[in-house]
Amino acid sequence: MFTASKHLNAFYFLNSNTGFLAGNFGSILKTTNGGGNFVNIFNESNFVANSYSLFQNYPNPFNP
């Protein structure tokens, strides 16, 4: 649900009715009626990965 506490960073409209708003913490909102009603299409999450790993990119395309 859209609340005024979300900080919006960017918007993009496909046409006069359908548009998207992007906010902090991965929030993405969508409208299909020109902005009168927004729906949160991406659930916000506080997920933080426990670990990560990087693998060798072989063959290296930048160093033959």
N, C-alpha and C. Protein backbone atom coordinates (compact mmCIF):
# COMPACT_ATOMS: atom_id res chain seq x y z
N MET A 1 0.84 -1.18 0.00
CA MET A 1 0.00 0.00 0.00
C MET A 1 0.88 1.25 0.00
N PHE A 2 0.50 2.23 -0.74
CA PHE A 2 1.26 3.46 -0.84
C PHE A 2 1.03 4.32 0.39
N THR A 3 2.12 4.80 0.97
CA THR A 3 2.03 5.75 2.07
C THR A 3 2.94 6.93 1.77
N ALA A 4 2.66 8.03 2.38
CA ALA A 4 3.44 9.24 2.15
C ALA A 4 4.85 9.12 2.70
N SER A 5 5.11 8.13 3.55
CA SER A 5 6.44 7.98 4.13
C SER A 5 7.45 7.38 3.16
N LYS A 6 7.01 6.85 2.03
CA LYS A 6 7.93 6.28 1.04
C LYS A 6 8.55 7.41 0.24
N HIS A 7 9.85 7.36 0.11
CA HIS A 7 10.55 8.36 -0.69
C HIS A 7 10.63 7.86 -2.12
N LEU A 8 10.03 8.59 -3.04
CA LEU A 8 9.99 8.17 -4.43
C LEU A 8 11.17 8.77 -5.18
N ASN A 9 11.81 7.94 -6.00
CA ASN A 9 13.03 8.35 -6.69
C ASN A 9 12.86 8.52 -8.18
N ALA A 10 11.96 7.76 -8.81
CA ALA A 10 11.82 7.81 -10.26
C ALA A 10 10.41 7.40 -10.66
N PHE A 11 9.98 7.85 -11.81
CA PHE A 11 8.69 7.42 -12.34
C PHE A 11 8.79 7.26 -13.85
N TYR A 12 7.92 6.40 -14.39
CA TYR A 12 7.90 6.15 -15.83
C TYR A 12 6.47 5.79 -16.22
N PHE A 13 5.92 6.48 -17.20
CA PHE A 13 4.57 6.19 -17.68
C PHE A 13 4.65 5.60 -19.08
N LEU A 14 3.97 4.47 -19.28
CA LEU A 14 3.89 3.82 -20.59
C LEU A 14 2.93 4.56 -21.50
N ASN A 15 1.85 5.06 -20.92
CA ASN A 15 0.85 5.84 -21.64
C ASN A 15 0.17 6.75 -20.63
N SER A 16 -0.94 7.36 -20.97
CA SER A 16 -1.58 8.32 -20.07
C SER A 16 -2.19 7.66 -18.83
N ASN A 17 -2.35 6.35 -18.82
CA ASN A 17 -2.95 5.67 -17.67
C ASN A 17 -1.98 4.79 -16.90
N THR A 18 -1.11 4.09 -17.56
CA THR A 18 -0.26 3.09 -16.91
C THR A 18 1.11 3.67 -16.62
N GLY A 19 1.51 3.60 -15.34
CA GLY A 19 2.80 4.13 -14.95
C GLY A 19 3.38 3.41 -13.75
N PHE A 20 4.67 3.62 -13.52
CA PHE A 20 5.40 2.98 -12.43
C PHE A 20 6.16 4.03 -11.64
N LEU A 21 6.26 3.84 -10.33
CA LEU A 21 7.06 4.68 -9.45
C LEU A 21 8.04 3.79 -8.72
N ALA A 22 9.27 4.24 -8.56
CA ALA A 22 10.28 3.49 -7.80
C ALA A 22 10.67 4.31 -6.59
N GLY A 23 10.77 3.63 -5.45
CA GLY A 23 11.11 4.30 -4.21
C GLY A 23 12.23 3.61 -3.47
N ASN A 24 12.48 4.07 -2.27
CA ASN A 24 13.53 3.51 -1.43
C ASN A 24 13.21 2.07 -1.03
N PHE A 25 14.25 1.31 -0.71
CA PHE A 25 14.14 -0.05 -0.21
C PHE A 25 13.45 -0.99 -1.19
N GLY A 26 13.56 -0.71 -2.49
CA GLY A 26 13.02 -1.61 -3.50
C GLY A 26 11.53 -1.51 -3.72
N SER A 27 10.88 -0.47 -3.24
CA SER A 27 9.44 -0.36 -3.45
C SER A 27 9.16 0.07 -4.88
N ILE A 28 8.24 -0.63 -5.53
CA ILE A 28 7.81 -0.31 -6.88
C ILE A 28 6.29 -0.24 -6.87
N LEU A 29 5.75 0.88 -7.32
CA LEU A 29 4.31 1.09 -7.34
C LEU A 29 3.84 1.18 -8.79
N LYS A 30 2.61 0.73 -9.03
CA LYS A 30 2.05 0.75 -10.39
C LYS A 30 0.66 1.38 -10.34
N THR A 31 0.35 2.17 -11.36
CA THR A 31 -0.99 2.71 -11.52
C THR A 31 -1.51 2.33 -12.90
N THR A 32 -2.81 2.13 -12.99
CA THR A 32 -3.44 1.85 -14.28
C THR A 32 -4.56 2.84 -14.58
N ASN A 33 -4.67 3.88 -13.74
CA ASN A 33 -5.71 4.88 -13.98
C ASN A 33 -5.15 6.30 -13.95
N GLY A 34 -3.92 6.46 -14.36
CA GLY A 34 -3.34 7.79 -14.47
C GLY A 34 -2.84 8.39 -13.17
N GLY A 35 -2.73 7.62 -12.12
CA GLY A 35 -2.18 8.12 -10.86
C GLY A 35 -3.19 8.27 -9.75
N GLY A 36 -4.44 7.96 -9.98
CA GLY A 36 -5.45 8.06 -8.92
C GLY A 36 -5.32 6.98 -7.87
N ASN A 37 -4.73 5.84 -8.24
CA ASN A 37 -4.60 4.72 -7.31
C ASN A 37 -3.32 3.97 -7.65
N PHE A 38 -2.47 3.76 -6.66
CA PHE A 38 -1.23 3.03 -6.85
C PHE A 38 -1.27 1.72 -6.09
N VAL A 39 -0.67 0.69 -6.68
CA VAL A 39 -0.60 -0.63 -6.07
C VAL A 39 0.87 -1.00 -5.93
N ASN A 40 1.24 -1.52 -4.76
CA ASN A 40 2.62 -1.96 -4.52
C ASN A 40 2.80 -3.29 -5.22
N ILE A 41 3.65 -3.36 -6.25
CA ILE A 41 3.83 -4.60 -7.00
C ILE A 41 5.08 -5.34 -6.60
N PHE A 42 5.86 -4.78 -5.69
CA PHE A 42 7.07 -5.44 -5.23
C PHE A 42 7.10 -5.34 -3.72
N ASN A 43 7.05 -6.49 -3.05
CA ASN A 43 7.05 -6.47 -1.59
C ASN A 43 8.38 -6.00 -1.06
N GLU A 44 8.31 -5.08 -0.12
CA GLU A 44 9.53 -4.61 0.51
C GLU A 44 10.09 -5.69 1.41
N SER A 45 11.38 -5.75 1.49
CA SER A 45 12.01 -6.79 2.28
C SER A 45 13.26 -6.24 2.94
N ASN A 46 13.53 -6.73 4.12
CA ASN A 46 14.76 -6.36 4.81
C ASN A 46 15.75 -7.51 4.73
N PHE A 47 15.63 -8.35 3.71
CA PHE A 47 16.49 -9.51 3.54
C PHE A 47 17.93 -9.08 3.29
N VAL A 48 18.82 -9.67 4.06
CA VAL A 48 20.25 -9.44 3.87
C VAL A 48 20.91 -10.79 3.74
N ALA A 49 21.70 -10.98 2.71
CA ALA A 49 22.35 -12.26 2.48
C ALA A 49 23.37 -12.57 3.57
N ASN A 50 23.45 -13.84 3.97
CA ASN A 50 24.42 -14.27 4.98
C ASN A 50 25.82 -14.30 4.40
N SER A 51 25.91 -14.69 3.14
CA SER A 51 27.21 -14.81 2.51
C SER A 51 27.07 -14.63 1.00
N TYR A 52 28.19 -14.51 0.34
CA TYR A 52 28.20 -14.43 -1.11
C TYR A 52 29.51 -15.05 -1.59
N SER A 53 29.57 -15.35 -2.86
CA SER A 53 30.81 -15.90 -3.41
C SER A 53 30.97 -15.42 -4.84
N LEU A 54 32.22 -15.24 -5.22
CA LEU A 54 32.58 -14.85 -6.57
C LEU A 54 33.36 -15.99 -7.20
N PHE A 55 32.99 -16.33 -8.42
CA PHE A 55 33.65 -17.41 -9.13
C PHE A 55 34.53 -16.85 -10.23
N GLN A 56 35.51 -17.62 -10.64
CA GLN A 56 36.40 -17.22 -11.71
C GLN A 56 35.63 -17.06 -13.00
N ASN A 57 35.82 -15.95 -13.67
CA ASN A 57 35.17 -15.73 -14.97
C ASN A 57 36.14 -16.18 -16.06
N TYR A 58 36.15 -17.44 -16.33
CA TYR A 58 37.11 -18.02 -17.28
C TYR A 58 36.41 -18.37 -18.57
N PRO A 59 36.90 -18.09 -19.69
CA PRO A 59 38.11 -17.28 -19.94
C PRO A 59 37.81 -15.81 -19.73
N ASN A 60 38.78 -15.08 -19.29
CA ASN A 60 38.64 -13.65 -19.03
C ASN A 60 38.61 -12.92 -20.39
N PRO A 61 37.49 -12.28 -20.73
CA PRO A 61 37.40 -11.62 -22.03
C PRO A 61 38.24 -10.35 -22.13
N PHE A 62 38.75 -9.84 -21.02
CA PHE A 62 39.52 -8.60 -21.04
C PHE A 62 41.03 -8.84 -21.04
N ASN A 63 41.44 -10.07 -20.77
CA ASN A 63 42.87 -10.38 -20.72
C ASN A 63 43.08 -11.72 -21.44
N PRO A 64 43.39 -11.70 -22.74
CA PRO A 64 43.48 -12.96 -23.50
C PRO A 64 44.66 -13.84 -23.07
